[in-house]
Every structure is written in structure tokens, then in C-alpha cells.
Amino acid sequence: MYPTLKPGLTFEFEYVVPENKTVPHIYPESEEFQLMPRVFSTGFMIALIEWACVRFVNEHIDWPREQSVGIDVRVNHTAATPPGMTVTVKGELAEVDGKRLVFNVEADDGVDQITKGTHQRFIVNAEKFVAKAEEKARSAT
């Protein structure tokens, strides 16, 4: 982690919502989701927030040796966004507590604010993280 990673830094990330990021695509095997409106899904919205934060963090760590993993998401989803609209995620690094990062995040689709909340990430050594996950998988079989 580089010393450039400090509270107060901000970022923006834009994404045009495709059809395959709508509710019926979140779990294609779900009959219930198949019958729901074709709008940007909450699950994909959360992943977009994570992606925006990852992109920001990567400029301030020894990527890919160091990576960040999501550890907390507290957001709402207050407006529907049809495919073809551009979602802009805005974030601010609010806190750096060792390797734990806290972000204030919000996003809009050019018409409505669609979310506002917080997201936390933790910086990990990728090799050690993967080794631990693989060990967990082996012990479960």
C-alpha cells in the first residue's frame, strides 16, 4: 500500500448499463427474476460500486500482488435504471484504518440518484489470500 492512499481522495466511474446487467440476468435460473422488470439489478449495482472502488484503490497499491476485497456494503437502491443509461459512481475515501478502507459512495443515472451509502474494502496479499481460500476448499471436501 502506497502512502498516496489517504482520506479525502475522490473518484468517478461511468458505466453504460447493458441488457445483461438487468434483474432477469442476476440469476438466470430463477423463475422469479425472469418475470421481473428489465432494469439495472441491485446485485449488479453493488458489483459496480465495488469495481469503481477497486479501480481507484489499484492506483495506490502494488497491484496485482496486493489487491482489495470487499468486506462491507451498506447502500440503498432508490431508482430504476433501464438499459442504455449511464450510471456514474462517485466515491470518496473517508477513512484508512491500517489495511481497511472506508468509502462514501453514491451513484446516479443522469436522471435520479440511484444509491448512496458506504463500502469497505481490505487490502490483502493476493497470493496468501488465494492460498488460504484454496486450503479452505480442500478442507471442505
Foldseek 3Di string as FASTA:
>chain_A
DAPVDDFFDKDKDKDQAAQCQFQCNPDVVDPVSVPDDSWHDPVVVVVVLVVRVQVVCVVGDPPPQKGKDWDDDDKAFDDTHHGGFMKMKMWTFHDDDPQKTKIWIWIDRVPDTGMTDMTIIGMDRVVVVVVVVVVVVVVVD
